[in-house]
Amino acid sequence: MKICVLGIGNPLLGDDGFGVEVVKRLKEEIGEPPDVEIIDGGSLGIYLLPYLEDKTHLIVVDVVNFGGKPGEIIKLKLDEIPAFIGLKMSEHQITFHEVIALMNLLGFKPIESFLIGVQLKENKWGGEMSDEVRKSINNVVQEVKKQIEIWRRGWNLT
């Protein structure tokens, strides 16, 4: 089993740095276990493909816009995102969906994959992350750790 936790975002855009901050905190808490690769994907888009091709399980962490309250957490299977809402949910969605489509086309789709996101408040160039979004970091780190443990134990409680 090869698990990947991928944080997406740009810290220079305030709330958009959420995914990057989560993977940074996750690395501080669990280190770099041999079965888990923790990646700061920034805004690499299609260039993430080589990092994902051999992964059996994938968690993407990002800020999203699903109409919730700022800081509200959402967890979706990656293939549920287009059906969940017709609007662009994430600043990275189009590019990352292209990555997922290419992964499927090339035949290396993970067995299970999730988006764990938080409702953004605002993205401002050079702005700080909002308090509402920042307060969600620890809860998302704990949710990621829980999902990793579920996969490690072979449970399918999702």
N, C-alpha and C. Protein backbone atom coordinates (compact mmCIF):
# COMPACT_ATOMS: atom_id res chain seq x y z
N MET A 1 0.85 -1.17 0.00
CA MET A 1 0.00 0.00 0.00
C MET A 1 0.89 1.24 0.00
N LYS A 2 0.56 2.18 -0.87
CA LYS A 2 1.27 3.45 -0.94
C LYS A 2 0.26 4.58 -0.84
N ILE A 3 0.30 5.27 0.28
CA ILE A 3 -0.63 6.36 0.56
C ILE A 3 0.05 7.69 0.23
N CYS A 4 -0.70 8.58 -0.39
CA CYS A 4 -0.21 9.93 -0.66
C CYS A 4 -1.18 10.93 -0.04
N VAL A 5 -0.62 11.87 0.71
CA VAL A 5 -1.39 13.01 1.20
C VAL A 5 -0.84 14.22 0.48
N LEU A 6 -1.69 14.85 -0.31
CA LEU A 6 -1.28 15.95 -1.17
C LEU A 6 -1.96 17.24 -0.75
N GLY A 7 -1.17 18.19 -0.31
CA GLY A 7 -1.70 19.51 0.03
C GLY A 7 -1.53 20.44 -1.15
N ILE A 8 -2.62 21.06 -1.57
CA ILE A 8 -2.59 21.96 -2.73
C ILE A 8 -2.87 23.37 -2.26
N GLY A 9 -2.20 24.34 -2.87
CA GLY A 9 -2.50 25.73 -2.56
C GLY A 9 -1.31 26.65 -2.65
N ASN A 10 -1.60 27.92 -2.55
CA ASN A 10 -0.58 28.95 -2.61
C ASN A 10 -0.68 29.82 -1.35
N PRO A 11 0.29 29.70 -0.45
CA PRO A 11 0.25 30.47 0.80
C PRO A 11 0.25 31.98 0.59
N LEU A 12 0.65 32.44 -0.57
CA LEU A 12 0.65 33.88 -0.84
C LEU A 12 -0.75 34.43 -1.09
N LEU A 13 -1.74 33.51 -1.17
CA LEU A 13 -3.12 33.92 -1.41
C LEU A 13 -4.01 33.68 -0.19
N GLY A 14 -3.49 33.90 0.99
CA GLY A 14 -4.29 33.81 2.21
C GLY A 14 -4.84 32.42 2.45
N ASP A 15 -6.17 32.28 2.42
CA ASP A 15 -6.82 30.99 2.70
C ASP A 15 -6.36 29.89 1.75
N ASP A 16 -5.91 30.24 0.56
CA ASP A 16 -5.49 29.24 -0.42
C ASP A 16 -4.30 28.41 0.08
N GLY A 17 -3.57 28.89 1.06
CA GLY A 17 -2.44 28.14 1.60
C GLY A 17 -2.83 27.04 2.57
N PHE A 18 -4.12 26.81 2.76
CA PHE A 18 -4.61 25.83 3.73
C PHE A 18 -4.03 24.43 3.52
N GLY A 19 -4.12 23.90 2.32
CA GLY A 19 -3.64 22.54 2.05
C GLY A 19 -2.16 22.38 2.33
N VAL A 20 -1.39 23.39 1.97
CA VAL A 20 0.05 23.37 2.21
C VAL A 20 0.34 23.38 3.71
N GLU A 21 -0.40 24.18 4.45
CA GLU A 21 -0.21 24.25 5.90
C GLU A 21 -0.59 22.93 6.58
N VAL A 22 -1.64 22.28 6.10
CA VAL A 22 -2.05 20.99 6.67
C VAL A 22 -0.96 19.95 6.48
N VAL A 23 -0.39 19.83 5.28
CA VAL A 23 0.64 18.80 5.09
C VAL A 23 1.91 19.13 5.86
N LYS A 24 2.21 20.40 6.03
CA LYS A 24 3.36 20.79 6.85
C LYS A 24 3.14 20.32 8.29
N ARG A 25 1.97 20.59 8.84
CA ARG A 25 1.64 20.19 10.21
C ARG A 25 1.61 18.66 10.33
N LEU A 26 1.06 17.99 9.32
CA LEU A 26 1.00 16.52 9.34
C LEU A 26 2.41 15.93 9.41
N LYS A 27 3.33 16.46 8.62
CA LYS A 27 4.73 15.99 8.65
C LYS A 27 5.34 16.19 10.03
N GLU A 28 5.04 17.30 10.67
CA GLU A 28 5.55 17.56 12.02
C GLU A 28 5.03 16.52 13.00
N GLU A 29 3.79 16.08 12.82
CA GLU A 29 3.16 15.15 13.77
C GLU A 29 3.52 13.70 13.53
N ILE A 30 3.59 13.27 12.26
CA ILE A 30 3.82 11.84 12.00
C ILE A 30 5.14 11.54 11.31
N GLY A 31 5.90 12.57 10.97
CA GLY A 31 7.16 12.35 10.29
C GLY A 31 6.93 11.89 8.86
N GLU A 32 7.77 10.97 8.41
CA GLU A 32 7.66 10.45 7.05
C GLU A 32 7.64 8.92 7.09
N PRO A 33 6.50 8.33 7.44
CA PRO A 33 6.41 6.87 7.49
C PRO A 33 6.66 6.27 6.10
N PRO A 34 7.19 5.04 6.05
CA PRO A 34 7.52 4.44 4.75
C PRO A 34 6.32 4.20 3.84
N ASP A 35 5.12 4.07 4.41
CA ASP A 35 3.94 3.79 3.59
C ASP A 35 3.13 5.05 3.25
N VAL A 36 3.61 6.23 3.69
CA VAL A 36 2.88 7.47 3.45
C VAL A 36 3.83 8.52 2.87
N GLU A 37 3.46 9.05 1.72
CA GLU A 37 4.21 10.16 1.15
C GLU A 37 3.37 11.43 1.33
N ILE A 38 3.95 12.41 1.97
CA ILE A 38 3.27 13.67 2.23
C ILE A 38 3.88 14.72 1.31
N ILE A 39 3.04 15.29 0.44
CA ILE A 39 3.54 16.18 -0.61
C ILE A 39 2.93 17.57 -0.50
N ASP A 40 3.79 18.57 -0.52
CA ASP A 40 3.35 19.95 -0.68
C ASP A 40 3.26 20.17 -2.18
N GLY A 41 2.04 20.07 -2.72
CA GLY A 41 1.84 20.18 -4.16
C GLY A 41 1.72 21.61 -4.65
N GLY A 42 1.70 22.57 -3.74
CA GLY A 42 1.60 23.97 -4.16
C GLY A 42 0.53 24.15 -5.21
N SER A 43 0.91 24.72 -6.32
CA SER A 43 -0.01 24.88 -7.45
C SER A 43 0.60 24.25 -8.70
N LEU A 44 1.21 23.06 -8.52
CA LEU A 44 1.91 22.38 -9.61
C LEU A 44 1.00 21.80 -10.68
N GLY A 45 -0.26 21.55 -10.36
CA GLY A 45 -1.19 21.04 -11.37
C GLY A 45 -0.72 19.77 -12.04
N ILE A 46 -0.60 19.81 -13.35
CA ILE A 46 -0.28 18.63 -14.16
C ILE A 46 1.09 18.05 -13.80
N TYR A 47 1.97 18.86 -13.25
CA TYR A 47 3.30 18.39 -12.88
C TYR A 47 3.28 17.48 -11.64
N LEU A 48 2.12 17.32 -11.03
CA LEU A 48 1.98 16.40 -9.90
C LEU A 48 1.89 14.95 -10.36
N LEU A 49 1.57 14.73 -11.62
CA LEU A 49 1.30 13.38 -12.13
C LEU A 49 2.38 12.36 -11.77
N PRO A 50 3.66 12.64 -11.96
CA PRO A 50 4.68 11.63 -11.61
C PRO A 50 4.68 11.23 -10.14
N TYR A 51 4.26 12.13 -9.27
CA TYR A 51 4.23 11.83 -7.83
C TYR A 51 3.06 10.94 -7.44
N LEU A 52 2.06 10.86 -8.32
CA LEU A 52 0.83 10.16 -7.98
C LEU A 52 0.68 8.81 -8.65
N GLU A 53 1.51 8.51 -9.64
CA GLU A 53 1.25 7.35 -10.49
C GLU A 53 1.29 6.00 -9.78
N ASP A 54 2.06 5.84 -8.73
CA ASP A 54 2.16 4.53 -8.09
C ASP A 54 1.40 4.46 -6.76
N LYS A 55 0.56 5.44 -6.48
CA LYS A 55 -0.13 5.49 -5.20
C LYS A 55 -1.43 4.68 -5.24
N THR A 56 -1.66 3.92 -4.18
CA THR A 56 -2.89 3.13 -4.08
C THR A 56 -4.00 3.89 -3.38
N HIS A 57 -3.64 4.86 -2.55
CA HIS A 57 -4.60 5.64 -1.78
C HIS A 57 -4.17 7.11 -1.80
N LEU A 58 -5.13 8.00 -1.96
CA LEU A 58 -4.81 9.42 -2.12
C LEU A 58 -5.78 10.29 -1.32
N ILE A 59 -5.20 11.24 -0.58
CA ILE A 59 -5.98 12.27 0.09
C ILE A 59 -5.47 13.61 -0.42
N VAL A 60 -6.37 14.40 -0.97
CA VAL A 60 -6.05 15.75 -1.42
C VAL A 60 -6.64 16.72 -0.41
N VAL A 61 -5.82 17.65 0.06
CA VAL A 61 -6.27 18.66 1.02
C VAL A 61 -6.19 20.02 0.34
N ASP A 62 -7.31 20.73 0.35
CA ASP A 62 -7.36 22.01 -0.35
C ASP A 62 -8.45 22.89 0.25
N VAL A 63 -8.40 24.16 -0.05
CA VAL A 63 -9.47 25.08 0.28
C VAL A 63 -10.49 24.98 -0.85
N VAL A 64 -11.76 25.01 -0.50
CA VAL A 64 -12.81 24.87 -1.51
C VAL A 64 -13.88 25.93 -1.30
N ASN A 65 -14.72 26.09 -2.30
CA ASN A 65 -15.83 27.02 -2.20
C ASN A 65 -17.11 26.26 -2.51
N PHE A 66 -17.71 25.68 -1.47
CA PHE A 66 -18.92 24.87 -1.66
C PHE A 66 -20.15 25.55 -1.07
N GLY A 67 -20.01 26.81 -0.67
CA GLY A 67 -21.14 27.55 -0.13
C GLY A 67 -21.37 27.38 1.35
N GLY A 68 -20.41 26.75 2.04
CA GLY A 68 -20.54 26.56 3.48
C GLY A 68 -20.06 27.78 4.25
N LYS A 69 -20.00 27.63 5.56
CA LYS A 69 -19.48 28.70 6.41
C LYS A 69 -17.96 28.65 6.35
N PRO A 70 -17.28 29.80 6.34
CA PRO A 70 -15.82 29.79 6.34
C PRO A 70 -15.27 28.90 7.46
N GLY A 71 -14.37 28.01 7.10
CA GLY A 71 -13.78 27.08 8.05
C GLY A 71 -14.49 25.74 8.12
N GLU A 72 -15.68 25.63 7.52
CA GLU A 72 -16.42 24.36 7.52
C GLU A 72 -15.66 23.32 6.69
N ILE A 73 -15.61 22.09 7.20
CA ILE A 73 -14.86 21.01 6.57
C ILE A 73 -15.79 20.13 5.76
N ILE A 74 -15.29 19.67 4.62
CA ILE A 74 -16.04 18.76 3.76
C ILE A 74 -15.10 17.62 3.35
N LYS A 75 -15.65 16.41 3.24
CA LYS A 75 -14.87 15.26 2.79
C LYS A 75 -15.68 14.57 1.69
N LEU A 76 -15.07 14.45 0.53
CA LEU A 76 -15.72 13.83 -0.62
C LEU A 76 -14.77 12.89 -1.31
N LYS A 77 -15.32 11.83 -1.89
CA LYS A 77 -14.51 11.03 -2.80
C LYS A 77 -14.22 11.91 -4.01
N LEU A 78 -13.02 11.79 -4.56
CA LEU A 78 -12.66 12.68 -5.67
C LEU A 78 -13.61 12.58 -6.84
N ASP A 79 -14.14 11.39 -7.10
CA ASP A 79 -15.05 11.26 -8.24
C ASP A 79 -16.43 11.83 -7.95
N GLU A 80 -16.71 12.26 -6.72
CA GLU A 80 -17.99 12.88 -6.38
C GLU A 80 -17.98 14.40 -6.57
N ILE A 81 -16.83 14.98 -6.74
CA ILE A 81 -16.74 16.43 -6.79
C ILE A 81 -17.57 17.04 -7.92
N PRO A 82 -17.48 16.58 -9.16
CA PRO A 82 -18.29 17.22 -10.20
C PRO A 82 -19.79 17.07 -9.96
N ALA A 83 -20.22 15.95 -9.41
CA ALA A 83 -21.64 15.73 -9.17
C ALA A 83 -22.13 16.53 -7.96
N PHE A 84 -21.23 16.84 -7.04
CA PHE A 84 -21.63 17.51 -5.81
C PHE A 84 -22.11 18.93 -6.06
N ILE A 85 -21.43 19.63 -6.93
CA ILE A 85 -21.80 21.03 -7.19
C ILE A 85 -21.32 21.41 -8.58
N GLY A 86 -22.12 22.13 -9.30
CA GLY A 86 -21.77 22.49 -10.67
C GLY A 86 -20.80 23.64 -10.78
N LEU A 87 -20.56 24.34 -9.67
CA LEU A 87 -19.65 25.47 -9.70
C LEU A 87 -18.24 25.02 -9.40
N LYS A 88 -17.29 25.85 -9.73
CA LYS A 88 -15.90 25.57 -9.42
C LYS A 88 -15.75 25.59 -7.90
N MET A 89 -15.33 24.46 -7.32
CA MET A 89 -15.22 24.36 -5.87
C MET A 89 -13.88 24.85 -5.37
N SER A 90 -12.84 24.69 -6.16
CA SER A 90 -11.50 24.96 -5.70
C SER A 90 -10.75 25.78 -6.74
N GLU A 91 -9.83 26.57 -6.27
CA GLU A 91 -8.99 27.34 -7.20
C GLU A 91 -8.13 26.41 -8.06
N HIS A 92 -8.00 25.15 -7.64
CA HIS A 92 -7.14 24.19 -8.35
C HIS A 92 -7.95 23.12 -9.06
N GLN A 93 -9.26 23.17 -8.97
CA GLN A 93 -10.10 22.06 -9.42
C GLN A 93 -9.88 21.71 -10.87
N ILE A 94 -9.89 22.66 -11.78
CA ILE A 94 -9.77 22.36 -13.20
C ILE A 94 -8.46 21.65 -13.47
N THR A 95 -7.37 22.21 -12.99
CA THR A 95 -6.07 21.60 -13.21
C THR A 95 -5.99 20.24 -12.55
N PHE A 96 -6.46 20.13 -11.32
CA PHE A 96 -6.34 18.84 -10.65
C PHE A 96 -7.27 17.80 -11.27
N HIS A 97 -8.43 18.22 -11.77
CA HIS A 97 -9.29 17.28 -12.47
C HIS A 97 -8.63 16.77 -13.74
N GLU A 98 -7.84 17.59 -14.38
CA GLU A 98 -7.08 17.13 -15.54
C GLU A 98 -6.07 16.07 -15.12
N VAL A 99 -5.46 16.27 -13.97
CA VAL A 99 -4.52 15.27 -13.44
C VAL A 99 -5.25 13.95 -13.18
N ILE A 100 -6.41 14.01 -12.54
CA ILE A 100 -7.20 12.80 -12.26
C ILE A 100 -7.60 12.12 -13.57
N ALA A 101 -8.03 12.90 -14.55
CA ALA A 101 -8.42 12.33 -15.85
C ALA A 101 -7.23 11.64 -16.51
N LEU A 102 -6.07 12.25 -16.45
CA LEU A 102 -4.88 11.62 -17.02
C LEU A 102 -4.49 10.36 -16.26
N MET A 103 -4.62 10.40 -14.94
CA MET A 103 -4.34 9.20 -14.15
C MET A 103 -5.24 8.05 -14.60
N ASN A 104 -6.53 8.34 -14.78
CA ASN A 104 -7.48 7.32 -15.23
C ASN A 104 -7.12 6.83 -16.62
N LEU A 105 -6.79 7.76 -17.51
CA LEU A 105 -6.43 7.41 -18.88
C LEU A 105 -5.20 6.50 -18.92
N LEU A 106 -4.25 6.78 -18.06
CA LEU A 106 -3.01 6.00 -18.02
C LEU A 106 -3.14 4.73 -17.18
N GLY A 107 -4.29 4.55 -16.54
CA GLY A 107 -4.55 3.31 -15.82
C GLY A 107 -3.97 3.24 -14.43
N PHE A 108 -3.66 4.35 -13.81
CA PHE A 108 -3.17 4.27 -12.44
C PHE A 108 -4.00 5.10 -11.48
N LYS A 109 -5.27 4.74 -11.46
CA LYS A 109 -6.20 5.36 -10.52
C LYS A 109 -6.04 4.71 -9.14
N PRO A 110 -5.93 5.53 -8.08
CA PRO A 110 -5.85 4.95 -6.74
C PRO A 110 -7.10 4.14 -6.41
N ILE A 111 -6.94 3.16 -5.54
CA ILE A 111 -8.06 2.33 -5.09
C ILE A 111 -9.12 3.21 -4.42
N GLU A 112 -8.65 4.14 -3.60
CA GLU A 112 -9.57 5.03 -2.90
C GLU A 112 -8.93 6.41 -2.81
N SER A 113 -9.72 7.45 -3.04
CA SER A 113 -9.18 8.81 -3.01
C SER A 113 -10.24 9.78 -2.50
N PHE A 114 -9.78 10.74 -1.71
CA PHE A 114 -10.67 11.72 -1.10
C PHE A 114 -10.13 13.13 -1.26
N LEU A 115 -11.05 14.08 -1.26
CA LEU A 115 -10.74 15.48 -1.06
C LEU A 115 -11.22 15.82 0.35
N ILE A 116 -10.32 16.36 1.16
CA ILE A 116 -10.72 16.93 2.44
C ILE A 116 -10.45 18.41 2.31
N GLY A 117 -11.52 19.18 2.33
CA GLY A 117 -11.38 20.60 2.10
C GLY A 117 -12.05 21.42 3.17
N VAL A 118 -11.74 22.69 3.14
CA VAL A 118 -12.35 23.64 4.07
C VAL A 118 -12.89 24.81 3.25
N GLN A 119 -14.06 25.28 3.66
CA GLN A 119 -14.66 26.43 2.98
C GLN A 119 -13.79 27.66 3.20
N LEU A 120 -13.39 28.28 2.10
CA LEU A 120 -12.57 29.48 2.21
C LEU A 120 -13.41 30.68 2.63
N LYS A 121 -12.74 31.66 3.19
CA LYS A 121 -13.39 32.95 3.47
C LYS A 121 -13.06 33.90 2.34
N GLU A 122 -11.76 34.03 2.05
CA GLU A 122 -11.33 34.87 0.93
C GLU A 122 -9.89 34.55 0.57
N ASN A 123 -9.57 34.78 -0.68
CA ASN A 123 -8.20 34.66 -1.16
C ASN A 123 -7.76 36.05 -1.60
N LYS A 124 -6.78 36.58 -0.91
CA LYS A 124 -6.24 37.88 -1.26
C LYS A 124 -4.74 37.74 -1.47
N TRP A 125 -4.26 38.30 -2.55
CA TRP A 125 -2.82 38.28 -2.81
C TRP A 125 -2.10 38.94 -1.65
N GLY A 126 -1.18 38.22 -1.05
CA GLY A 126 -0.41 38.75 0.06
C GLY A 126 -1.15 38.77 1.38
N GLY A 127 -2.38 38.26 1.39
CA GLY A 127 -3.18 38.27 2.60
C GLY A 127 -2.85 37.12 3.53
N GLU A 128 -3.22 37.27 4.76
CA GLU A 128 -3.06 36.21 5.76
C GLU A 128 -4.23 35.23 5.66
N MET A 129 -4.00 34.02 6.12
CA MET A 129 -5.08 33.05 6.20
C MET A 129 -6.09 33.55 7.24
N SER A 130 -7.37 33.44 6.92
CA SER A 130 -8.41 33.90 7.85
C SER A 130 -8.42 33.03 9.11
N ASP A 131 -8.87 33.60 10.21
CA ASP A 131 -8.95 32.86 11.47
C ASP A 131 -9.85 31.64 11.34
N GLU A 132 -10.97 31.79 10.61
CA GLU A 132 -11.92 30.69 10.47
C GLU A 132 -11.27 29.48 9.79
N VAL A 133 -10.49 29.74 8.75
CA VAL A 133 -9.83 28.65 8.03
C VAL A 133 -8.68 28.09 8.86
N ARG A 134 -7.89 28.97 9.46
CA ARG A 134 -6.75 28.53 10.29
C ARG A 134 -7.21 27.60 11.41
N LYS A 135 -8.36 27.90 12.02
CA LYS A 135 -8.87 27.08 13.12
C LYS A 135 -9.24 25.67 12.68
N SER A 136 -9.40 25.44 11.39
CA SER A 136 -9.76 24.11 10.88
C SER A 136 -8.55 23.22 10.63
N ILE A 137 -7.36 23.78 10.67
CA ILE A 137 -6.15 23.01 10.32
C ILE A 137 -6.02 21.77 11.19
N ASN A 138 -6.10 21.92 12.51
CA ASN A 138 -5.91 20.77 13.40
C ASN A 138 -6.96 19.69 13.15
N ASN A 139 -8.22 20.08 12.96
CA ASN A 139 -9.27 19.08 12.71
C ASN A 139 -9.02 18.31 11.42
N VAL A 140 -8.53 18.99 10.39
CA VAL A 140 -8.25 18.30 9.13
C VAL A 140 -7.03 17.39 9.28
N VAL A 141 -6.01 17.84 9.99
CA VAL A 141 -4.86 16.97 10.26
C VAL A 141 -5.33 15.69 10.96
N GLN A 142 -6.20 15.83 11.96
CA GLN A 142 -6.70 14.65 12.67
C GLN A 142 -7.52 13.75 11.75
N GLU A 143 -8.32 14.33 10.87
CA GLU A 143 -9.12 13.55 9.91
C GLU A 143 -8.22 12.79 8.94
N VAL A 144 -7.15 13.42 8.49
CA VAL A 144 -6.19 12.75 7.60
C VAL A 144 -5.53 11.59 8.33
N LYS A 145 -5.09 11.81 9.55
CA LYS A 145 -4.47 10.73 10.33
C LYS A 145 -5.44 9.57 10.54
N LYS A 146 -6.70 9.88 10.80
CA LYS A 146 -7.73 8.85 10.98
C LYS A 146 -7.90 8.04 9.70
N GLN A 147 -7.95 8.72 8.55
CA GLN A 147 -8.12 8.01 7.28
C GLN A 147 -6.92 7.13 6.98
N ILE A 148 -5.73 7.60 7.25
CA ILE A 148 -4.52 6.79 7.05
C ILE A 148 -4.61 5.53 7.90
N GLU A 149 -5.02 5.68 9.15
CA GLU A 149 -5.13 4.52 10.05
C GLU A 149 -6.19 3.54 9.57
N ILE A 150 -7.31 4.04 9.07
CA ILE A 150 -8.34 3.17 8.51
C ILE A 150 -7.76 2.34 7.37
N TRP A 151 -7.05 2.99 6.47
CA TRP A 151 -6.46 2.26 5.34
C TRP A 151 -5.42 1.26 5.82
N ARG A 152 -4.60 1.64 6.77
CA ARG A 152 -3.57 0.73 7.28
C ARG A 152 -4.18 -0.52 7.90
N ARG A 153 -5.27 -0.37 8.58
CA ARG A 153 -5.91 -1.52 9.24
C ARG A 153 -6.83 -2.29 8.32
N GLY A 154 -7.00 -1.78 7.11
CA GLY A 154 -7.85 -2.49 6.15
C GLY A 154 -9.33 -2.28 6.37
N TRP A 155 -9.68 -1.30 7.21
CA TRP A 155 -11.08 -1.00 7.43
C TRP A 155 -11.59 -0.19 6.25
N ASN A 156 -12.84 -0.34 5.96
CA ASN A 156 -13.44 0.49 4.93
C ASN A 156 -14.69 1.13 5.52
N LEU A 157 -14.46 2.13 6.38
CA LEU A 157 -15.55 2.78 7.10
C LEU A 157 -16.00 4.07 6.43
N THR A 158 -15.53 4.32 5.22
CA THR A 158 -15.84 5.60 4.57
C THR A 158 -17.11 5.53 3.79
